[in-house]
Every structure is written in C-alpha cells, then in structure tokens.
Amino acid sequence: MATERIRVGYVELTEEESARLLKEVQRDQQAETLEDLQEIMNAYDARMVEPDEDLLEEVIADAEGEPSVTEEEIEVFPKVENGKRYQIKASKKSNS
C-alpha cells in the first residue's frame, strides 16, 4: 500500500501537506516518492507555526510590508543541528 500521508515527529501531515513537502524536498534531495520522503523525514521533527497578531504587525513593519508568517504553517527541521529546514502552508483543519 502506497504512502499518502507523511509523519514528521508528532505531526501527521494531510495528503495536501505531504504533497507540498515532497515538492520542497525534491528540490534539495533524492525524494521521488512519498515513501522516499518518509524515509528522509524520519530524521526530522516538525511544529505548527501560528502567527501572533501583535508580533505579526511588528514583522510587517520590520520586513517593509512583507510578513514572514501570514497564516498557519508547518516548520520541518532536522533533529540534529545542521541541515535544511522547510516551511509549508498548513491545510485548513476542520473541527468536525
């Protein structure tokens, strides 16, 4: 059975998020499939990044109108210090 959703640390990505991350990782590493991506992500961890409204206004001012986080994102980072970090837009989660 083919992998459709990737798990990074405690975060299980949706199919849409998994596809976004695969696209990002394909630029840097040898990940052709989601199975390849899962093998790479076993050495990574992830966390949700939510914009803080007060902080967001400061970021906008500091970045000359270009905020770095404007919506909920997922940051993917290596478990060891050195390595490529990825940040992808999080899918809209439903509360149903």
N, C-alpha and C. Protein backbone atom coordinates (compact mmCIF):
# COMPACT_ATOMS: atom_id res chain seq x y z
N MET A 1 0.85 -1.19 0.00
CA MET A 1 0.00 0.00 0.00
C MET A 1 0.89 1.24 0.00
N ALA A 2 0.60 2.16 -0.87
CA ALA A 2 1.42 3.35 -1.03
C ALA A 2 1.17 4.35 0.10
N THR A 3 2.22 5.04 0.48
CA THR A 3 2.12 6.08 1.48
C THR A 3 1.40 7.28 0.88
N GLU A 4 0.43 7.82 1.60
CA GLU A 4 -0.27 9.01 1.13
C GLU A 4 -0.07 10.18 2.07
N ARG A 5 0.20 9.88 3.36
CA ARG A 5 0.38 10.92 4.36
C ARG A 5 1.71 10.69 5.06
N ILE A 6 2.43 11.78 5.27
CA ILE A 6 3.75 11.73 5.88
C ILE A 6 3.64 12.11 7.36
N ARG A 7 4.41 11.43 8.20
CA ARG A 7 4.51 11.79 9.61
C ARG A 7 5.90 12.35 9.84
N VAL A 8 5.94 13.54 10.47
CA VAL A 8 7.21 14.19 10.80
C VAL A 8 7.16 14.49 12.30
N GLY A 9 7.93 13.75 13.08
CA GLY A 9 7.85 13.91 14.53
C GLY A 9 6.46 13.55 14.99
N TYR A 10 5.82 14.44 15.75
CA TYR A 10 4.46 14.18 16.24
C TYR A 10 3.39 14.68 15.28
N VAL A 11 3.78 15.33 14.18
CA VAL A 11 2.82 15.92 13.25
C VAL A 11 2.56 14.95 12.09
N GLU A 12 1.29 14.59 11.90
CA GLU A 12 0.90 13.81 10.73
C GLU A 12 0.34 14.78 9.71
N LEU A 13 0.99 14.86 8.56
CA LEU A 13 0.58 15.79 7.52
C LEU A 13 -0.64 15.26 6.78
N THR A 14 -1.45 16.17 6.27
CA THR A 14 -2.55 15.77 5.40
C THR A 14 -1.94 15.35 4.05
N GLU A 15 -2.76 14.80 3.18
CA GLU A 15 -2.27 14.43 1.84
C GLU A 15 -1.77 15.67 1.11
N GLU A 16 -2.50 16.78 1.25
CA GLU A 16 -2.12 18.03 0.58
C GLU A 16 -0.78 18.54 1.13
N GLU A 17 -0.61 18.53 2.45
CA GLU A 17 0.64 18.98 3.07
C GLU A 17 1.79 18.06 2.67
N SER A 18 1.52 16.75 2.62
CA SER A 18 2.55 15.79 2.22
C SER A 18 3.04 16.07 0.81
N ALA A 19 2.11 16.39 -0.09
CA ALA A 19 2.47 16.72 -1.47
C ALA A 19 3.30 18.00 -1.53
N ARG A 20 2.93 19.00 -0.72
CA ARG A 20 3.70 20.26 -0.69
C ARG A 20 5.12 20.01 -0.20
N LEU A 21 5.25 19.22 0.87
CA LEU A 21 6.57 18.94 1.42
C LEU A 21 7.40 18.14 0.43
N LEU A 22 6.80 17.18 -0.25
CA LEU A 22 7.53 16.40 -1.25
C LEU A 22 8.09 17.32 -2.33
N LYS A 23 7.29 18.26 -2.78
CA LYS A 23 7.74 19.21 -3.82
C LYS A 23 8.94 20.02 -3.33
N GLU A 24 8.89 20.48 -2.06
CA GLU A 24 10.01 21.24 -1.49
C GLU A 24 11.27 20.39 -1.36
N VAL A 25 11.12 19.17 -0.87
CA VAL A 25 12.28 18.31 -0.64
C VAL A 25 12.89 17.83 -1.96
N GLN A 26 12.08 17.65 -2.97
CA GLN A 26 12.58 17.22 -4.28
C GLN A 26 13.61 18.18 -4.83
N ARG A 27 13.51 19.44 -4.46
CA ARG A 27 14.47 20.45 -4.95
C ARG A 27 15.87 20.21 -4.38
N ASP A 28 15.95 19.64 -3.18
CA ASP A 28 17.23 19.51 -2.48
C ASP A 28 17.76 18.08 -2.37
N GLN A 29 16.87 17.10 -2.35
CA GLN A 29 17.29 15.74 -2.06
C GLN A 29 16.70 14.75 -3.05
N GLN A 30 17.10 13.53 -2.92
CA GLN A 30 16.62 12.46 -3.80
C GLN A 30 15.33 11.86 -3.25
N ALA A 31 14.25 12.55 -3.39
CA ALA A 31 12.94 12.06 -2.95
C ALA A 31 12.01 12.09 -4.15
N GLU A 32 11.81 10.95 -4.73
CA GLU A 32 10.94 10.86 -5.90
C GLU A 32 9.49 10.53 -5.52
N THR A 33 9.33 9.80 -4.41
CA THR A 33 8.00 9.35 -3.99
C THR A 33 7.76 9.73 -2.54
N LEU A 34 6.52 9.56 -2.11
CA LEU A 34 6.21 9.81 -0.71
C LEU A 34 6.93 8.82 0.20
N GLU A 35 7.17 7.60 -0.28
CA GLU A 35 7.92 6.63 0.52
C GLU A 35 9.35 7.12 0.74
N ASP A 36 9.98 7.67 -0.31
CA ASP A 36 11.32 8.26 -0.18
C ASP A 36 11.29 9.41 0.82
N LEU A 37 10.27 10.24 0.72
CA LEU A 37 10.14 11.38 1.61
C LEU A 37 10.01 10.93 3.06
N GLN A 38 9.22 9.89 3.31
CA GLN A 38 9.03 9.42 4.68
C GLN A 38 10.36 8.94 5.27
N GLU A 39 11.17 8.27 4.47
CA GLU A 39 12.49 7.84 4.94
C GLU A 39 13.34 9.03 5.36
N ILE A 40 13.34 10.08 4.56
CA ILE A 40 14.10 11.29 4.88
C ILE A 40 13.53 11.96 6.13
N MET A 41 12.21 12.03 6.23
CA MET A 41 11.56 12.73 7.34
C MET A 41 11.70 12.01 8.67
N ASN A 42 12.15 10.76 8.66
CA ASN A 42 12.39 10.05 9.92
C ASN A 42 13.51 10.71 10.71
N ALA A 43 14.34 11.52 10.05
CA ALA A 43 15.42 12.24 10.72
C ALA A 43 15.03 13.69 11.02
N TYR A 44 13.75 14.03 10.84
CA TYR A 44 13.26 15.39 11.04
C TYR A 44 12.18 15.43 12.13
N ASP A 45 11.91 16.62 12.61
CA ASP A 45 10.82 16.87 13.53
C ASP A 45 10.03 18.04 12.95
N ALA A 46 8.85 18.32 13.49
CA ALA A 46 8.02 19.40 12.95
C ALA A 46 7.24 20.06 14.07
N ARG A 47 6.81 21.29 13.79
CA ARG A 47 5.94 22.01 14.72
C ARG A 47 5.05 22.95 13.93
N MET A 48 3.91 23.26 14.53
CA MET A 48 2.99 24.20 13.92
C MET A 48 3.48 25.61 14.24
N VAL A 49 3.41 26.50 13.28
CA VAL A 49 3.78 27.90 13.46
C VAL A 49 2.53 28.72 13.20
N GLU A 50 2.02 29.35 14.24
CA GLU A 50 0.82 30.17 14.09
C GLU A 50 1.20 31.63 14.24
N PRO A 51 0.68 32.49 13.39
CA PRO A 51 1.01 33.91 13.52
C PRO A 51 0.43 34.50 14.79
N ASP A 52 1.21 35.34 15.42
CA ASP A 52 0.77 36.08 16.60
C ASP A 52 0.41 37.47 16.09
N GLU A 53 -0.84 37.87 16.28
CA GLU A 53 -1.32 39.13 15.70
C GLU A 53 -0.45 40.33 16.08
N ASP A 54 -0.07 40.47 17.36
CA ASP A 54 0.77 41.59 17.78
C ASP A 54 2.15 41.50 17.14
N LEU A 55 2.71 40.31 17.17
CA LEU A 55 4.03 40.10 16.59
C LEU A 55 3.98 40.30 15.08
N LEU A 56 2.88 39.89 14.48
CA LEU A 56 2.74 40.00 13.03
C LEU A 56 2.85 41.45 12.58
N GLU A 57 2.26 42.37 13.33
CA GLU A 57 2.35 43.79 12.96
C GLU A 57 3.80 44.27 13.00
N GLU A 58 4.56 43.80 14.01
CA GLU A 58 5.97 44.17 14.10
C GLU A 58 6.76 43.58 12.94
N VAL A 59 6.45 42.34 12.58
CA VAL A 59 7.16 41.68 11.48
C VAL A 59 6.88 42.40 10.17
N ILE A 60 5.64 42.82 9.98
CA ILE A 60 5.28 43.54 8.75
C ILE A 60 6.08 44.84 8.66
N ALA A 61 6.16 45.55 9.76
CA ALA A 61 6.91 46.82 9.77
C ALA A 61 8.39 46.57 9.53
N ASP A 62 8.94 45.55 10.17
CA ASP A 62 10.36 45.25 10.03
C ASP A 62 10.71 44.75 8.63
N ALA A 63 9.80 44.06 8.02
CA ALA A 63 10.07 43.48 6.70
C ALA A 63 9.56 44.35 5.57
N GLU A 64 9.30 45.60 5.88
CA GLU A 64 8.81 46.55 4.88
C GLU A 64 7.58 46.05 4.15
N GLY A 65 6.61 45.61 4.94
CA GLY A 65 5.35 45.16 4.36
C GLY A 65 5.33 43.73 3.86
N GLU A 66 6.37 42.96 4.15
CA GLU A 66 6.40 41.58 3.71
C GLU A 66 6.54 40.66 4.92
N PRO A 67 5.42 40.27 5.54
CA PRO A 67 5.49 39.42 6.72
C PRO A 67 6.02 38.03 6.39
N SER A 68 6.73 37.42 7.34
CA SER A 68 7.29 36.10 7.10
C SER A 68 6.27 35.00 7.39
N VAL A 69 5.37 35.21 8.32
CA VAL A 69 4.33 34.23 8.63
C VAL A 69 2.99 34.95 8.60
N THR A 70 2.17 34.65 7.62
CA THR A 70 0.89 35.32 7.50
C THR A 70 -0.28 34.38 7.80
N GLU A 71 0.00 33.10 7.88
CA GLU A 71 -1.04 32.13 8.18
C GLU A 71 -0.38 30.93 8.85
N GLU A 72 -1.18 30.00 9.28
CA GLU A 72 -0.64 28.84 9.96
C GLU A 72 0.25 28.04 9.01
N GLU A 73 1.45 27.72 9.47
CA GLU A 73 2.40 26.96 8.67
C GLU A 73 2.97 25.82 9.50
N ILE A 74 3.62 24.90 8.83
CA ILE A 74 4.31 23.80 9.49
C ILE A 74 5.79 23.96 9.20
N GLU A 75 6.58 24.03 10.25
CA GLU A 75 8.03 24.11 10.10
C GLU A 75 8.60 22.71 10.31
N VAL A 76 9.40 22.27 9.35
CA VAL A 76 10.04 20.96 9.40
C VAL A 76 11.53 21.19 9.53
N PHE A 77 12.14 20.59 10.56
CA PHE A 77 13.54 20.85 10.82
C PHE A 77 14.25 19.56 11.22
N PRO A 78 15.56 19.48 10.94
CA PRO A 78 16.31 18.26 11.26
C PRO A 78 16.46 18.08 12.76
N LYS A 79 16.50 16.82 13.20
CA LYS A 79 16.69 16.52 14.62
C LYS A 79 18.08 16.91 15.09
N VAL A 80 19.06 16.86 14.19
CA VAL A 80 20.40 17.34 14.51
C VAL A 80 20.50 18.79 14.05
N GLU A 81 21.49 19.52 14.56
CA GLU A 81 21.55 20.97 14.33
C GLU A 81 21.68 21.37 12.87
N ASN A 82 22.55 20.73 12.13
CA ASN A 82 22.80 21.15 10.75
C ASN A 82 21.84 20.47 9.79
N GLY A 83 21.41 21.21 8.81
CA GLY A 83 20.54 20.63 7.80
C GLY A 83 19.51 21.62 7.32
N LYS A 84 18.89 21.28 6.23
CA LYS A 84 17.89 22.14 5.59
C LYS A 84 16.59 22.14 6.37
N ARG A 85 16.00 23.33 6.53
CA ARG A 85 14.69 23.49 7.15
C ARG A 85 13.68 23.75 6.04
N TYR A 86 12.45 23.33 6.28
CA TYR A 86 11.37 23.55 5.32
C TYR A 86 10.19 24.17 6.05
N GLN A 87 9.44 25.00 5.37
CA GLN A 87 8.23 25.57 5.93
C GLN A 87 7.17 25.50 4.86
N ILE A 88 6.04 24.87 5.19
CA ILE A 88 4.95 24.72 4.22
C ILE A 88 3.67 25.28 4.83
N LYS A 89 2.79 25.73 3.97
CA LYS A 89 1.49 26.22 4.41
C LYS A 89 0.68 25.04 4.94
N ALA A 90 0.05 25.23 6.08
CA ALA A 90 -0.78 24.18 6.66
C ALA A 90 -2.14 24.18 5.98
N SER A 91 -2.71 23.01 5.83
CA SER A 91 -4.05 22.91 5.29
C SER A 91 -5.05 23.39 6.32
N LYS A 92 -6.19 23.81 5.85
CA LYS A 92 -7.25 24.23 6.78
C LYS A 92 -7.75 22.98 7.51
N LYS A 93 -7.71 23.01 8.81
CA LYS A 93 -8.19 21.88 9.61
C LYS A 93 -9.64 22.12 9.98
N SER A 94 -10.46 21.10 9.83
CA SER A 94 -11.85 21.25 10.23
C SER A 94 -12.03 20.70 11.64
N ASN A 95 -12.95 21.26 12.37
CA ASN A 95 -13.21 20.83 13.74
C ASN A 95 -14.39 19.88 13.82
N SER A 96 -14.71 19.21 12.74
CA SER A 96 -15.87 18.30 12.75
C SER A 96 -15.50 16.93 13.18
